[in-house]
């Protein structure tokens, strides 16, 4: 191959990579726009802050608290809810046992319940009042299975509250549970305790610091990890995980 041909091929490859990158960025932007369209706000100011969302054919109203990380709906939760709704045939939640760790305001648990799952929403004791309120007002008489709310402090009394012999979850849901907090060891321990050989973990994660990358590396010592979708504009990656050696990798992505 002469120099001119080599330069031509190099230029062609660069243009192809640029086109693919631009197409990927456009697709990312389109899906993110669609996801964010699911959120709406009250027309008038109310004494309690709330946000509205459209998922699973329902209008969902979430009461928030601005003084607590766990009482705010973060974009990772929207990404996970959108995926569950738009991939409900591939990931059929009807009659499945689902636990959400770090449920916060409860949006993911509510959507999973509306999609037919038998859901356990968990979080710290100080968040359970607001979590219970949101779950109840958005699922009562609307779901096949009424979800329950339970206290779960990562790494504490796991066997007492969720005995391995009697607790089996088909899915573990987690949205934005890895951030700047000192309980990453306990979080990994909790994943490990709750996950059986056939349990599927659906995990939406926003990358902020190197600590997140380090946790992913540690997570992969116990679990096989598959990237389902990636959203560079949000710094959010959606993962599917199972115990080592249990996952058959299948390509999947969010659909608009």
Protein backbone atom coordinates (compact mmCIF):
# COMPACT_ATOMS: atom_id res chain seq x y z
CA UNK A 1 0.00 0.00 0.00
CA UNK A 2 1.46 3.35 -1.03
CA UNK A 3 1.53 6.44 1.19
CA UNK A 4 -1.42 8.08 -0.55
CA UNK A 5 -3.64 5.02 -0.06
CA UNK A 6 -2.58 4.76 3.58
CA UNK A 7 -3.40 8.41 4.20
CA UNK A 8 -6.75 7.99 2.45
CA UNK A 9 -7.66 4.97 4.60
CA UNK A 10 -6.60 6.78 7.76
CA UNK A 11 -8.71 9.80 6.83
CA UNK A 12 -11.67 7.54 5.98
CA UNK A 13 -11.41 5.75 9.34
CA UNK A 14 -11.21 9.04 11.21
CA UNK A 15 -14.30 10.34 9.42
CA UNK A 16 -16.16 7.08 10.15
CA UNK A 17 -15.24 7.24 13.85
CA UNK A 18 -16.31 10.88 13.98
CA UNK A 19 -19.65 10.05 12.35
CA UNK A 20 -20.24 7.17 14.77
CA UNK A 21 -19.36 9.40 17.71
CA UNK A 22 -21.73 12.12 16.52
CA UNK A 23 -24.49 9.55 15.94
CA UNK A 24 -23.94 8.19 19.45
CA UNK A 25 -24.07 11.67 20.96
CA UNK A 26 -27.27 12.44 19.06
CA UNK A 27 -28.88 9.18 20.23
CA UNK A 28 -27.80 9.89 23.81
CA UNK A 29 -29.30 13.37 23.60
CA UNK A 30 -32.59 12.05 22.15
CA UNK A 31 -33.07 9.37 24.82
CA UNK A 32 -32.09 11.70 27.66
CA UNK A 33 -34.59 14.26 26.38
CA UNK A 34 -37.29 11.59 26.29
CA UNK A 35 -36.44 10.46 29.83
CA UNK A 36 -36.55 13.99 31.20
CA UNK A 37 -39.92 14.59 29.54
CA UNK A 38 -41.36 12.09 32.02
CA UNK A 39 -40.88 14.62 34.82
CA UNK A 40 -43.24 17.50 35.55
CA UNK A 41 -43.67 20.08 38.29
CA UNK A 42 -46.70 21.55 40.09
CA UNK A 43 -48.30 24.59 38.49
CA UNK A 44 -48.51 26.34 41.83
CA UNK A 45 -46.20 26.40 44.84
CA UNK A 46 -47.32 24.00 47.56
CA UNK A 47 -46.33 23.79 51.20
CA UNK A 48 -44.63 20.45 50.47
CA UNK A 49 -42.14 20.14 47.64
CA UNK A 50 -43.08 17.48 45.11
CA UNK A 51 -42.30 16.41 41.58
CA UNK A 52 -44.44 14.46 39.15
CA UNK A 53 -43.48 11.65 36.77
CA UNK A 54 -45.20 9.68 34.04
CA UNK A 55 -44.24 6.00 34.07
CA UNK A 56 -46.03 2.69 33.53
CA UNK A 57 -49.20 4.46 32.43
CA UNK A 58 -49.58 6.37 35.69
CA UNK A 59 -49.01 9.85 37.03
CA UNK A 60 -46.69 9.52 40.00
CA UNK A 61 -46.29 12.28 42.58
CA UNK A 62 -43.17 12.19 44.72
CA UNK A 63 -42.77 14.25 47.88
CA UNK A 64 -39.19 15.39 48.37
CA UNK A 65 -37.05 16.96 51.05
CA UNK A 66 -34.21 19.24 49.98
CA UNK A 67 -32.25 18.77 53.21
CA UNK A 68 -31.46 15.10 52.61
CA UNK A 69 -29.72 13.27 49.74
CA UNK A 70 -32.04 10.31 50.13
CA UNK A 71 -35.22 12.35 49.77
CA UNK A 72 -34.52 13.76 46.30
CA UNK A 73 -35.17 12.08 42.94
CA UNK A 74 -31.83 11.82 41.12
CA UNK A 75 -31.48 11.33 37.34
CA UNK A 76 -30.18 7.76 37.79
CA UNK A 77 -33.60 6.77 39.13
CA UNK A 78 -35.28 8.18 36.01
CA UNK A 79 -32.89 6.24 33.77
CA UNK A 80 -33.66 2.99 35.60
CA UNK A 81 -37.44 3.61 35.59
CA UNK A 82 -37.40 4.38 31.88
CA UNK A 83 -35.46 1.20 31.16
CA UNK A 84 -37.83 -0.96 33.20
CA UNK A 85 -40.83 0.49 31.40
CA UNK A 86 -39.46 0.34 27.85
CA UNK A 87 -37.94 -3.14 28.29
CA UNK A 88 -40.82 -4.73 30.21
CA UNK A 89 -41.01 -7.72 27.84
CA UNK A 90 -37.34 -8.65 28.15
CA UNK A 91 -37.29 -7.87 31.88
CA UNK A 92 -40.79 -8.99 32.86
CA UNK A 93 -41.36 -7.99 36.50
CA UNK A 94 -44.86 -9.48 36.88
CA UNK A 95 -44.94 -11.58 40.07
CA UNK A 96 -41.19 -11.20 40.54
CA UNK A 97 -39.70 -10.56 43.97
CA UNK A 98 -37.85 -7.25 43.81
CA UNK A 99 -35.89 -5.38 46.46
CA UNK A 100 -34.65 -1.82 46.05
CA UNK A 101 -31.72 -0.77 48.20
CA UNK A 102 -31.33 2.92 48.93
CA UNK A 103 -34.87 3.50 47.69
CA UNK A 104 -34.90 7.16 48.78
CA UNK A 105 -38.15 8.71 47.58
CA UNK A 106 -39.35 5.35 46.25
CA UNK A 107 -39.74 6.17 42.55
CA UNK A 108 -38.03 3.01 41.26
CA UNK A 109 -39.96 0.82 43.72
CA UNK A 110 -43.22 2.47 42.69
CA UNK A 111 -42.59 1.91 38.98
CA UNK A 112 -41.55 -1.72 39.58
CA UNK A 113 -44.77 -2.22 41.57
CA UNK A 114 -46.90 -0.69 38.82
CA UNK A 115 -45.21 -3.11 36.41
CA UNK A 116 -46.46 -6.04 38.48
CA UNK A 117 -43.58 -6.85 40.82
CA UNK A 118 -43.79 -7.78 44.48
CA UNK A 119 -41.53 -5.04 45.82
CA UNK A 120 -39.65 -4.42 49.05
CA UNK A 121 -38.44 -0.81 49.24
CA UNK A 122 -35.62 -0.25 51.73
CA UNK A 123 -33.64 2.63 53.17
CA UNK A 124 -32.38 4.19 56.40
CA UNK A 125 -34.83 4.59 59.30
CA UNK A 126 -34.93 8.39 59.02
CA UNK A 127 -36.14 8.12 55.42
CA UNK A 128 -38.87 5.53 55.91
CA UNK A 129 -41.67 8.00 56.73
CA UNK A 130 -41.39 9.86 53.43
CA UNK A 131 -40.68 6.65 51.54
CA UNK A 132 -43.78 4.98 52.96
CA UNK A 133 -45.89 8.05 52.15
CA UNK A 134 -44.77 8.11 48.50
CA UNK A 135 -45.12 4.37 48.01
CA UNK A 136 -48.59 4.23 49.54
CA UNK A 137 -50.08 7.22 47.75
CA UNK A 138 -48.83 6.06 44.35
CA UNK A 139 -49.57 2.33 44.55
CA UNK A 140 -52.69 1.82 46.70
CA UNK A 141 -55.36 0.02 44.65
CA UNK A 142 -53.17 0.39 41.54
CA UNK A 143 -50.86 -2.62 41.79
CA UNK A 144 -51.17 -6.39 41.62
CA UNK A 145 -49.01 -6.62 44.76
CA UNK A 146 -48.92 -3.93 47.40
CA UNK A 147 -45.24 -3.06 48.03
CA UNK A 148 -43.77 -3.06 51.52
CA UNK A 149 -41.26 -0.68 53.07
CA UNK A 150 -38.51 -1.96 55.36
CA UNK A 151 -35.53 -0.52 57.16
CA UNK A 152 -32.16 -1.53 55.76
CA UNK A 153 -28.92 0.03 56.92
CA UNK A 154 -26.27 -1.44 54.65
CA UNK A 155 -24.22 -4.15 56.28
CA UNK A 156 -26.15 -4.15 59.56
CA UNK A 157 -28.28 -7.09 60.81
CA UNK A 158 -28.57 -8.46 57.28
CA UNK A 159 -29.15 -12.06 58.31
CA UNK A 160 -31.64 -11.03 60.99
CA UNK A 161 -33.73 -8.85 58.68
CA UNK A 162 -33.23 -10.79 55.44
CA UNK A 163 -32.37 -14.43 56.27
CA UNK A 164 -30.59 -16.15 53.40
CA UNK A 165 -32.63 -19.31 53.85
CA UNK A 166 -36.02 -17.65 53.39
CA UNK A 167 -35.36 -14.46 51.39
CA UNK A 168 -35.08 -14.83 47.64
CA UNK A 169 -35.14 -11.86 45.30
CA UNK A 170 -35.38 -12.16 41.53
CA UNK A 171 -34.13 -8.61 41.12
CA UNK A 172 -32.13 -6.11 43.17
CA UNK A 173 -32.67 -2.51 42.06
CA UNK A 174 -30.24 0.27 42.89
CA UNK A 175 -30.07 3.85 41.61
CA UNK A 176 -27.24 6.22 42.56
CA UNK A 177 -26.19 4.28 45.66
CA UNK A 178 -22.47 4.94 45.09
CA UNK A 179 -21.39 8.48 45.89
CA UNK A 180 -19.22 10.25 48.46
CA UNK A 181 -20.19 8.29 51.57
CA UNK A 182 -18.15 6.08 53.93
CA UNK A 183 -20.30 2.94 53.58
CA UNK A 184 -19.07 1.39 50.34
CA UNK A 185 -17.78 -1.73 52.13
CA UNK A 186 -21.20 -2.17 53.73
CA UNK A 187 -22.92 -1.61 50.38
CA UNK A 188 -20.89 -4.38 48.74
CA UNK A 189 -21.62 -6.66 51.68
CA UNK A 190 -25.34 -5.95 51.25
CA UNK A 191 -25.28 -6.78 47.53
CA UNK A 192 -23.45 -9.99 48.37
CA UNK A 193 -25.91 -11.00 51.08
CA UNK A 194 -29.09 -10.34 49.08
CA UNK A 195 -27.92 -11.81 45.78
CA UNK A 196 -28.60 -15.49 45.04
CA UNK A 197 -27.18 -17.36 42.05
CA UNK A 198 -30.16 -16.45 39.85
CA UNK A 199 -30.70 -12.89 41.16
CA UNK A 200 -30.31 -10.08 38.62
CA UNK A 201 -28.98 -6.71 39.78
CA UNK A 202 -30.16 -3.63 37.89
CA UNK A 203 -27.93 -0.73 38.87
CA UNK A 204 -27.92 2.84 37.54
CA UNK A 205 -24.82 4.74 38.56
CA UNK A 206 -23.66 8.31 38.15
CA UNK A 207 -19.90 8.70 37.96
CA UNK A 208 -18.51 11.66 39.89
CA UNK A 209 -15.15 10.74 41.43
CA UNK A 210 -12.47 8.04 41.19
CA UNK A 211 -14.11 6.39 44.19
CA UNK A 212 -16.94 5.23 41.93
CA UNK A 213 -14.47 3.57 39.54
CA UNK A 214 -12.77 1.83 42.45
CA UNK A 215 -16.10 0.49 43.71
CA UNK A 216 -16.94 -0.91 40.28
CA UNK A 217 -13.60 -2.76 40.28
CA UNK A 218 -14.33 -4.23 43.71
CA UNK A 219 -17.90 -5.08 42.68
CA UNK A 220 -16.55 -7.11 39.78
CA UNK A 221 -14.60 -9.40 42.13
CA UNK A 222 -17.99 -10.87 43.13
CA UNK A 223 -20.25 -10.19 40.15
CA UNK A 224 -20.21 -10.29 36.37
CA UNK A 225 -21.12 -6.84 35.08
CA UNK A 226 -22.69 -5.89 31.77
CA UNK A 227 -23.18 -2.33 30.53
CA UNK A 228 -26.76 -2.07 29.28
CA UNK A 229 -26.65 1.62 28.36
CA UNK A 230 -24.38 4.57 28.80
CA UNK A 231 -25.31 8.27 28.92
CA UNK A 232 -22.22 10.47 28.62
CA UNK A 233 -24.24 13.68 28.90
CA UNK A 234 -25.44 12.59 32.36
CA UNK A 235 -22.30 10.63 33.37
CA UNK A 236 -24.69 7.75 34.09
CA UNK A 237 -24.16 4.08 33.24
CA UNK A 238 -26.86 1.45 33.54
CA UNK A 239 -25.57 -1.98 34.55
CA UNK A 240 -26.90 -5.49 34.78
CA UNK A 241 -25.05 -7.85 37.11
CA UNK A 242 -25.19 -11.42 38.40
CA UNK A 243 -22.95 -13.59 40.48
CA UNK A 244 -19.72 -14.68 38.81
CA UNK A 245 -20.29 -17.24 36.09
CA UNK A 246 -24.10 -16.99 36.14
CA UNK A 247 -24.79 -14.38 33.45
CA UNK A 248 -25.34 -14.96 29.77
CA UNK A 249 -24.37 -11.70 28.13
CA UNK A 250 -27.03 -10.39 25.75
CA UNK A 251 -26.83 -7.03 24.00
CA UNK A 252 -29.54 -4.65 25.19
CA UNK A 253 -30.09 -0.94 25.15
CA UNK A 254 -32.68 1.64 26.00
CA UNK A 255 -35.33 2.24 23.40
CA UNK A 256 -37.11 5.48 22.69
